Protein backbone atom coordinates (compact mmCIF):
# COMPACT_ATOMS: atom_id res chain seq x y z
CA MET A 1 -21.75 20.08 22.13
CA TYR A 2 -18.10 20.50 21.17
CA ALA A 3 -17.13 23.72 19.42
CA ILE A 4 -14.24 23.21 16.99
CA THR A 5 -12.15 26.00 15.45
CA GLY A 6 -9.89 25.23 12.49
CA ILE A 7 -12.31 22.50 11.41
CA THR A 8 -11.57 23.03 7.71
CA GLY A 9 -7.89 22.20 8.27
CA GLN A 10 -6.18 18.81 8.57
CA VAL A 11 -6.08 18.65 12.40
CA GLY A 12 -9.43 20.20 13.03
CA GLY A 13 -11.06 18.00 10.39
CA ALA A 14 -9.57 14.85 11.78
CA LEU A 15 -10.72 15.87 15.30
CA ALA A 16 -14.29 16.60 14.18
CA ARG A 17 -14.57 13.33 12.28
CA ALA A 18 -13.37 11.44 15.33
CA LEU A 19 -16.01 13.17 17.49
CA LEU A 20 -18.76 12.51 14.93
CA ALA A 21 -17.69 8.85 14.76
CA ALA A 22 -18.11 8.75 18.55
CA ARG A 23 -21.65 10.21 18.11
CA GLN A 24 -20.72 13.46 19.75
CA PRO A 25 -22.41 16.68 18.73
CA VAL A 26 -20.13 19.10 16.99
CA ARG A 27 -20.37 22.82 16.30
CA ALA A 28 -18.19 23.85 13.41
CA VAL A 29 -16.69 27.29 13.91
CA VAL A 30 -16.00 28.68 10.44
CA ARG A 31 -15.43 32.04 8.83
CA ASP A 32 -16.93 31.15 5.47
CA LEU A 33 -20.36 29.59 4.76
CA ASP A 34 -19.02 27.97 1.61
CA LYS A 35 -16.51 25.97 3.74
CA ALA A 36 -19.31 25.07 6.15
CA ARG A 37 -21.46 23.07 3.74
CA GLU A 38 -19.39 19.83 4.05
CA TRP A 39 -19.66 19.97 7.83
CA SER A 40 -23.30 20.84 7.82
CA ALA A 41 -24.01 17.83 5.58
CA LEU A 42 -22.26 15.67 8.16
CA GLY A 43 -24.60 16.93 10.91
CA CYS A 44 -22.59 19.67 12.47
CA GLU A 45 -24.13 22.84 13.86
CA ILE A 46 -22.51 25.86 12.16
CA ALA A 47 -21.19 29.04 13.86
CA LEU A 48 -19.73 31.84 11.82
CA ALA A 49 -16.77 33.57 13.45
CA THR A 50 -13.26 34.66 12.77
CA LEU A 51 -10.69 34.17 15.50
CA ASN A 52 -10.23 37.95 16.06
CA ASP A 53 -13.95 38.62 16.59
CA ALA A 54 -14.67 38.28 20.31
CA SER A 55 -18.44 38.74 19.96
CA ALA A 56 -18.81 36.06 17.31
CA LEU A 57 -16.56 33.73 19.17
CA THR A 58 -18.57 34.19 22.35
CA ALA A 59 -21.66 33.13 20.55
CA ALA A 60 -19.80 30.14 19.00
CA PHE A 61 -18.52 28.95 22.34
CA HIS A 62 -21.71 29.59 24.38
CA GLY A 63 -23.14 26.37 25.79
CA ALA A 64 -20.25 24.26 24.59
CA LYS A 65 -19.20 21.24 26.72
CA GLY A 66 -15.71 21.76 25.29
CA VAL A 67 -13.88 23.99 22.84
CA PHE A 68 -10.96 23.14 20.60
CA ILE A 69 -8.67 26.07 19.87
CA LEU A 70 -6.57 25.91 16.71
CA PRO A 71 -4.80 29.24 16.33
CA PRO A 72 -4.37 30.28 12.72
CA PRO A 73 -0.72 29.76 11.77
CA GLU A 74 1.21 32.95 11.06
CA PHE A 75 4.24 31.93 8.99
CA ASP A 76 5.62 35.41 8.51
CA PRO A 77 4.76 37.34 11.71
CA ALA A 78 5.58 40.99 12.20
CA PRO A 79 7.92 41.88 15.07
CA GLY A 80 6.18 41.45 18.41
CA PHE A 81 3.61 38.99 16.95
CA PRO A 82 0.72 41.55 16.68
CA GLU A 83 -1.36 39.21 14.57
CA VAL A 84 -1.45 36.44 17.16
CA ARG A 85 -1.89 38.90 19.98
CA ALA A 86 -5.16 40.13 18.39
CA VAL A 87 -6.35 36.53 18.14
CA ILE A 88 -5.35 35.89 21.81
CA ASP A 89 -7.27 38.93 22.99
CA ALA A 90 -10.42 37.85 21.16
CA LEU A 91 -10.18 34.25 22.26
CA THR A 92 -9.64 34.96 25.92
CA THR A 93 -12.44 37.50 25.98
CA ALA A 94 -14.85 35.05 24.30
CA ILE A 95 -13.91 32.18 26.67
CA GLU A 96 -14.34 34.41 29.73
CA ARG A 97 -17.77 35.54 28.50
CA ALA A 98 -19.03 32.11 27.22
CA GLN A 99 -17.57 29.92 30.03
CA PRO A 100 -17.42 26.61 28.06
CA GLY A 101 -16.88 23.51 30.09
CA LYS A 102 -13.25 22.94 29.03
CA ILE A 103 -10.63 23.92 26.54
CA VAL A 104 -8.13 21.92 24.46
CA SER A 105 -5.75 24.22 22.69
CA LEU A 106 -3.38 23.09 19.97
CA SER A 107 0.15 24.23 20.91
CA THR A 108 3.51 22.93 19.83
CA ILE A 109 6.67 21.08 20.79
CA GLY A 110 9.02 23.63 22.35
CA ALA A 111 6.31 25.99 23.58
CA GLN A 112 8.27 26.24 26.82
CA ALA A 113 11.41 27.62 25.08
CA THR A 114 12.55 30.99 26.21
CA GLN A 115 14.28 31.94 22.90
CA THR A 116 12.10 33.91 20.54
CA ASN A 117 11.24 31.98 17.33
CA LEU A 118 8.29 31.29 15.01
CA LEU A 119 6.70 29.00 17.64
CA THR A 120 6.63 31.79 20.24
CA GLN A 121 3.17 32.59 19.04
CA HIS A 122 2.06 29.35 20.75
CA THR A 123 3.95 30.33 23.89
CA LEU A 124 2.03 33.55 23.98
CA MET A 125 -1.25 31.64 23.55
CA GLU A 126 -0.39 29.25 26.39
CA GLN A 127 0.55 32.14 28.72
CA ALA A 128 -2.70 34.00 28.11
CA LEU A 129 -5.06 30.98 28.27
CA SER A 130 -3.36 29.73 31.47
CA LYS A 131 -4.72 32.75 33.30
CA LEU A 132 -8.27 31.59 32.75
CA ARG A 133 -10.05 29.62 35.49
CA ILE A 134 -11.21 26.73 33.33
CA PRO A 135 -10.05 23.16 32.74
CA LEU A 136 -7.38 23.57 30.08
CA THR A 137 -5.20 21.12 28.07
CA PHE A 138 -2.37 22.24 25.79
CA LEU A 139 -1.71 19.59 23.16
CA ARG A 140 1.94 19.96 22.08
CA PRO A 141 2.60 17.92 18.90
CA ALA A 142 5.89 17.39 17.12
CA TRP A 143 6.94 18.58 13.71
CA PHE A 144 4.09 17.69 11.32
CA MET A 145 4.92 14.92 8.81
CA GLU A 146 2.72 16.69 6.35
CA ASN A 147 5.32 19.38 5.96
CA PHE A 148 6.96 16.99 3.48
CA ARG A 149 4.23 17.92 0.98
CA TRP A 150 6.51 20.76 -0.13
CA ASP A 151 9.09 18.17 -1.10
CA VAL A 152 6.95 15.82 -3.20
CA GLN A 153 7.61 17.43 -6.60
CA GLN A 154 11.37 17.59 -6.20
CA ALA A 155 11.53 14.08 -4.79
CA ARG A 156 9.47 12.77 -7.74
CA ASP A 157 11.09 14.82 -10.50
CA LYS A 158 14.67 15.41 -9.26
CA GLY A 159 15.32 12.60 -6.77
CA MET A 160 16.06 14.94 -3.92
CA ILE A 161 14.50 16.70 -0.99
CA PRO A 162 16.02 20.00 0.27
CA SER A 163 16.44 19.95 4.04
CA PHE A 164 16.49 22.83 6.50
CA LEU A 165 16.69 20.18 9.29
CA GLN A 166 20.38 19.51 9.77
CA PRO A 167 22.53 17.42 10.16
CA LEU A 168 20.83 14.99 7.79
CA ASP A 169 21.30 12.01 10.14
CA ARG A 170 19.85 13.72 13.16
CA ALA A 171 16.33 12.43 13.99
CA ILE A 172 13.71 14.78 15.39
CA PRO A 173 10.17 14.24 16.74
CA MET A 174 7.51 14.15 14.10
CA ILE A 175 3.79 13.29 14.02
CA ALA A 176 0.96 12.82 11.53
CA THR A 177 -1.97 15.30 11.66
CA ALA A 178 -4.41 12.34 11.75
CA ASP A 179 -2.83 11.35 15.12
CA VAL A 180 -3.03 14.98 16.36
CA GLY A 181 -6.73 15.08 15.52
CA ARG A 182 -7.45 11.67 17.05
CA VAL A 183 -5.70 12.52 20.34
CA ALA A 184 -7.32 15.91 20.53
CA ALA A 185 -10.76 14.23 20.24
CA GLU A 186 -9.84 11.82 23.08
CA LEU A 187 -8.67 14.69 25.22
CA LEU A 188 -11.81 16.74 24.69
CA GLN A 189 -13.94 13.85 25.85
CA GLN A 190 -11.98 13.46 29.14
CA GLU A 191 -12.71 15.20 32.36
CA TRP A 192 -9.95 16.91 34.39
CA GLN A 193 -9.28 19.92 36.53
CA GLY A 194 -6.73 22.72 36.20
CA ARG A 195 -4.10 22.94 33.52
CA ARG A 196 -2.26 20.02 31.86
CA ILE A 197 0.20 19.59 29.03
CA VAL A 198 0.12 16.60 26.65
CA GLU A 199 3.03 16.07 24.28
CA LEU A 200 2.67 13.94 21.19
CA GLU A 201 5.11 12.37 18.70
CA ALA A 202 5.33 9.33 16.43
CA ALA A 203 6.60 5.95 17.64
CA GLN A 204 10.03 6.65 16.08
CA ARG A 205 11.93 9.87 15.56
CA ILE A 206 12.86 10.63 11.96
CA SER A 207 15.93 12.15 10.26
CA PRO A 208 16.01 13.86 6.90
CA ASN A 209 17.97 10.81 5.55
CA GLU A 210 15.27 8.47 6.85
CA ALA A 211 12.60 10.61 5.27
CA ALA A 212 14.47 10.39 1.92
CA ALA A 213 14.50 6.63 2.28
CA VAL A 214 10.76 6.60 2.70
CA PHE A 215 10.36 8.64 -0.47
CA THR A 216 12.72 6.25 -2.22
CA LYS A 217 10.53 3.28 -1.21
CA VAL A 218 7.26 4.89 -2.14
CA LEU A 219 8.37 6.46 -5.43
CA GLY A 220 10.46 3.46 -6.54
CA HIS A 221 13.57 5.44 -7.46
CA PRO A 222 16.45 6.89 -5.40
CA VAL A 223 15.76 10.02 -3.41
CA LYS A 224 18.35 11.72 -1.27
CA ALA A 225 18.22 14.57 1.25
CA GLU A 226 20.39 17.62 0.56
CA VAL A 227 21.34 20.33 3.06
CA VAL A 228 20.09 23.85 2.28
CA PRO A 229 23.07 25.92 3.47
CA ARG A 230 22.16 28.16 6.35
CA ASP A 231 24.04 31.16 4.91
CA ILE A 232 21.43 31.42 2.08
CA TRP A 233 18.27 31.09 4.18
CA VAL A 234 17.63 34.81 4.60
CA ASP A 235 17.93 35.58 0.88
CA LEU A 236 15.99 32.45 -0.01
CA PHE A 237 13.04 33.18 2.30
CA ILE A 238 12.91 36.83 1.17
CA ALA A 239 12.86 35.69 -2.43
CA GLN A 240 9.91 33.47 -1.55
CA GLY A 241 8.01 36.47 -0.33
CA MET A 242 8.75 36.63 3.40
CA LYS A 243 9.15 40.03 5.04
CA HIS A 244 10.35 38.86 8.43
CA PRO A 245 12.33 35.64 7.99
CA GLN A 246 14.16 35.69 11.31
CA PRO A 247 11.50 33.97 13.43
CA ARG A 248 11.45 31.05 10.98
CA ILE A 249 15.20 30.84 10.97
CA GLN A 250 15.30 30.88 14.77
CA MET A 251 12.70 28.01 14.81
CA LEU A 252 14.85 25.91 12.47
CA ASP A 253 17.90 26.66 14.55
CA GLY A 254 15.96 25.53 17.60
CA PHE A 255 15.18 22.13 16.09
CA ASN A 256 18.76 21.74 14.68
CA GLU A 257 20.42 22.83 17.91
CA GLY A 258 18.02 20.87 20.07
CA TRP A 259 16.53 23.57 22.25
CA ILE A 260 13.13 23.12 20.62
CA GLU A 261 12.26 19.81 22.28
CA PHE A 262 9.50 18.37 24.42
CA GLU A 263 9.34 19.63 28.02
CA LYS A 264 9.10 15.98 29.24
CA PRO A 265 10.40 13.87 26.36
CA ALA A 266 10.18 10.61 28.34
CA ASN A 267 6.41 11.06 28.81
CA THR A 268 5.23 11.75 25.31
CA ILE A 269 2.22 10.03 23.91
CA LYS A 270 3.05 7.99 20.79
CA GLY A 271 1.19 8.31 17.55
CA GLU A 272 0.01 5.39 15.33
CA VAL A 273 0.48 6.73 11.75
CA SER A 274 3.81 6.10 10.02
CA LEU A 275 5.70 8.46 7.75
CA GLU A 276 5.29 6.00 4.95
CA THR A 277 1.50 6.25 5.25
CA VAL A 278 1.69 10.07 5.18
CA VAL A 279 4.10 10.16 2.22
CA ARG A 280 1.94 7.81 0.20
CA GLU A 281 -1.07 10.07 0.79
CA LEU A 282 0.93 13.21 -0.10
CA ILE A 283 2.18 11.69 -3.35
CA ALA A 284 -1.30 10.43 -4.29
CA LYS A 285 -2.74 13.90 -3.78
CA ALA A 286 0.02 15.48 -5.88
CA ALA A 287 -0.55 13.04 -8.81
């Protein structure tokens, strides 16, 4: 039995479907019974737990051959990352009590960076889980291609996509969530000892200008990328409702300055899904 957290999201859902297609038993760890119905209908066992409830997580992980950890994203963390630290405490306690056979934890490109930024929450998770005596894999994917869903409307209606990634001709590592889920399913079914890191990106790195060209092709009209000036980021993010924009800004700086990168870029696993495929899906869903 494989216990999957985050199963209602894109990565967790792709992972679970891959396991089910391989005729592997899946336990869906969900916080809401309404969201569990789809997975129950597909044959999954259901475990109710939130990721800050150690007792419920212990029960959810008990007897599992493997566990997939998908930390809930915190896009506006308070100073010191108290939200993720509470999740880390509950997860480590539950894993120590339940002793599942192995762990695959979704991390991120740049988790090894020493500069504090939005992705530091994954660094903290890696540091805590690494203390456990259990076979452990950290899957570090690149920037999700699905982040372009926020640009679909402006690309369609205004012929532009605003870019925080700069300069516009600089390509960065990206990946489709379908590839992340597929690779996570493969990793969970492997056997290994100790701790390992697996880094994942698409076959080709992608610049904002190249992304705009993909939108142009799919939409059938010109789309261009436009820089969002850095000096307006703070005011813009606060206007959007953020209380603590600095970690997000530091993350974007990390990508733009190159210090958020893979630990071993020459050894990354390559994905199969193209940006064009993802963009077509995003536009179809927005129609």
